[in-house]
């Protein structure tokens, strides 16, 4: 069973903007499904809450899995800009900030996993000064 700490991390970080989904149960379900696929260590996920983004392949796979389930990336790993903008808009009401973070953080990387990871790190940095 997922701990409350991990659930809080998923809400506040995992996706930072993504995890602002209104349904905590859905986020927990997605995390559990992705954890079953990736076998990510919960300590890697909880570390995200304090801005620790270790260059860990399993964590990146987990973040990509979550990103797909939340509609941030499609199966091919392509960023879904409208979804990104919508999710960031749930974190801040500042339209200029939403536009800035959407543009700055929505950069395709060398792999879908790296894209999910770098996007989450960028959004975290933009919303947690």
Protein backbone atom coordinates (compact mmCIF):
# COMPACT_ATOMS: atom_id res chain seq x y z
CA UNK A 1 0.00 0.00 0.00
CA UNK A 2 1.33 3.42 -0.89
CA UNK A 3 2.22 5.57 2.06
CA UNK A 4 0.63 8.97 2.66
CA UNK A 5 4.06 10.55 2.15
CA UNK A 6 4.34 9.07 -1.34
CA UNK A 7 0.79 10.18 -2.13
CA UNK A 8 1.63 13.73 -1.04
CA UNK A 9 4.75 13.69 -3.16
CA UNK A 10 2.76 12.55 -6.15
CA UNK A 11 0.34 15.39 -5.60
CA UNK A 12 2.92 18.09 -5.06
CA UNK A 13 5.62 16.89 -7.40
CA UNK A 14 5.03 14.00 -9.70
CA UNK A 15 3.95 15.88 -11.45
CA UNK A 16 4.24 19.04 -10.13
CA UNK A 17 1.78 20.49 -12.51
CA UNK A 18 0.45 17.11 -13.52
CA UNK A 19 -0.41 15.90 -10.09
CA UNK A 20 -2.88 18.69 -9.57
CA UNK A 21 -5.50 16.29 -10.87
CA UNK A 22 -8.63 16.62 -8.81
CA UNK A 23 -8.86 12.92 -8.11
CA UNK A 24 -6.26 11.69 -5.62
CA UNK A 25 -7.52 8.14 -6.12
CA UNK A 26 -6.71 8.33 -9.82
CA UNK A 27 -3.20 9.60 -9.12
CA UNK A 28 -2.60 6.81 -6.63
CA UNK A 29 -3.95 4.30 -9.14
CA UNK A 30 -1.63 5.66 -11.84
CA UNK A 31 1.34 5.56 -9.46
CA UNK A 32 0.58 1.95 -8.50
CA UNK A 33 0.17 0.93 -12.15
CA UNK A 34 3.41 2.67 -13.12
CA UNK A 35 5.23 1.24 -10.11
CA UNK A 36 4.11 -2.25 -11.18
CA UNK A 37 5.61 -1.55 -14.62
CA UNK A 38 8.82 0.16 -13.50
CA UNK A 39 9.43 -1.15 -9.98
CA UNK A 40 10.57 2.34 -8.94
CA UNK A 41 11.82 2.74 -5.39
CA UNK A 42 9.45 4.97 -3.39
CA UNK A 43 12.44 6.84 -1.95
CA UNK A 44 13.23 8.14 -5.44
CA UNK A 45 9.69 9.44 -5.78
CA UNK A 46 9.62 10.99 -2.31
CA UNK A 47 12.96 12.70 -3.02
CA UNK A 48 11.25 14.71 -5.74
CA UNK A 49 9.37 16.63 -3.05
CA UNK A 50 12.59 18.31 -1.96
CA UNK A 51 13.76 18.95 -5.50
CA UNK A 52 15.98 15.88 -5.75
CA UNK A 53 15.90 14.67 -9.33
CA UNK A 54 18.52 11.90 -9.50
CA UNK A 55 19.54 10.75 -12.95
CA UNK A 56 17.93 7.35 -12.43
CA UNK A 57 16.57 5.37 -15.41
CA UNK A 58 13.82 3.71 -13.35
CA UNK A 59 12.60 7.05 -11.99
CA UNK A 60 12.57 8.46 -15.53
CA UNK A 61 10.55 5.46 -16.76
CA UNK A 62 8.11 5.96 -13.90
CA UNK A 63 7.75 9.67 -14.68
CA UNK A 64 7.10 8.93 -18.35
CA UNK A 65 4.48 6.36 -17.37
CA UNK A 66 2.76 8.94 -15.13
CA UNK A 67 3.06 11.58 -17.84
CA UNK A 68 1.27 9.32 -20.34
CA UNK A 69 -1.49 8.45 -17.90
CA UNK A 70 -2.03 12.15 -17.13
CA UNK A 71 -2.13 13.07 -20.83
CA UNK A 72 1.05 15.16 -20.74
CA UNK A 73 2.77 12.93 -23.30
CA UNK A 74 1.36 10.49 -25.81
CA UNK A 75 2.56 6.93 -26.29
CA UNK A 76 5.31 8.14 -28.64
CA UNK A 77 6.51 10.55 -25.96
CA UNK A 78 5.37 13.69 -27.75
CA UNK A 79 4.41 16.55 -25.45
CA UNK A 80 0.74 17.47 -25.49
CA UNK A 81 1.00 21.26 -25.14
CA UNK A 82 -2.65 21.92 -24.29
CA UNK A 83 -2.52 19.36 -21.49
CA UNK A 84 0.72 20.84 -20.15
CA UNK A 85 -0.78 24.32 -20.16
CA UNK A 86 -3.94 23.10 -18.48
CA UNK A 87 -2.04 21.25 -15.74
CA UNK A 88 0.28 24.19 -15.03
CA UNK A 89 -2.81 26.41 -14.93
CA UNK A 90 -4.01 24.35 -11.97
CA UNK A 91 -0.85 25.26 -10.08
CA UNK A 92 -0.89 29.01 -10.74
CA UNK A 93 -3.51 31.51 -11.85
CA UNK A 94 -0.83 33.74 -13.36
CA UNK A 95 -1.47 33.38 -17.10
CA UNK A 96 1.93 34.83 -17.99
CA UNK A 97 3.63 32.28 -15.71
CA UNK A 98 1.58 29.46 -17.24
CA UNK A 99 2.62 30.52 -20.75
CA UNK A 100 6.25 30.97 -19.70
CA UNK A 101 6.54 27.57 -18.01
CA UNK A 102 4.65 25.80 -20.80
CA UNK A 103 7.04 27.16 -23.40
CA UNK A 104 10.22 26.88 -21.32
CA UNK A 105 9.57 23.39 -19.97
CA UNK A 106 7.94 21.67 -22.95
CA UNK A 107 11.11 20.64 -24.74
CA UNK A 108 11.48 17.27 -26.41
CA UNK A 109 14.61 15.50 -25.21
CA UNK A 110 16.50 12.50 -26.61
CA UNK A 111 13.98 10.02 -25.21
CA UNK A 112 10.39 10.14 -23.91
CA UNK A 113 11.69 9.32 -20.44
CA UNK A 114 14.20 12.18 -20.51
CA UNK A 115 11.46 14.49 -21.76
CA UNK A 116 9.17 13.61 -18.84
CA UNK A 117 12.03 13.95 -16.36
CA UNK A 118 13.38 17.27 -17.63
CA UNK A 119 9.89 18.73 -17.97
CA UNK A 120 9.03 17.82 -14.38
CA UNK A 121 12.35 19.22 -13.14
CA UNK A 122 11.79 22.46 -15.08
CA UNK A 123 8.23 22.90 -13.82
CA UNK A 124 9.32 22.15 -10.26
CA UNK A 125 12.01 24.82 -10.56
CA UNK A 126 9.49 27.29 -11.93
CA UNK A 127 6.93 26.69 -9.21
CA UNK A 128 9.23 26.12 -6.19
CA UNK A 129 11.67 29.06 -6.07
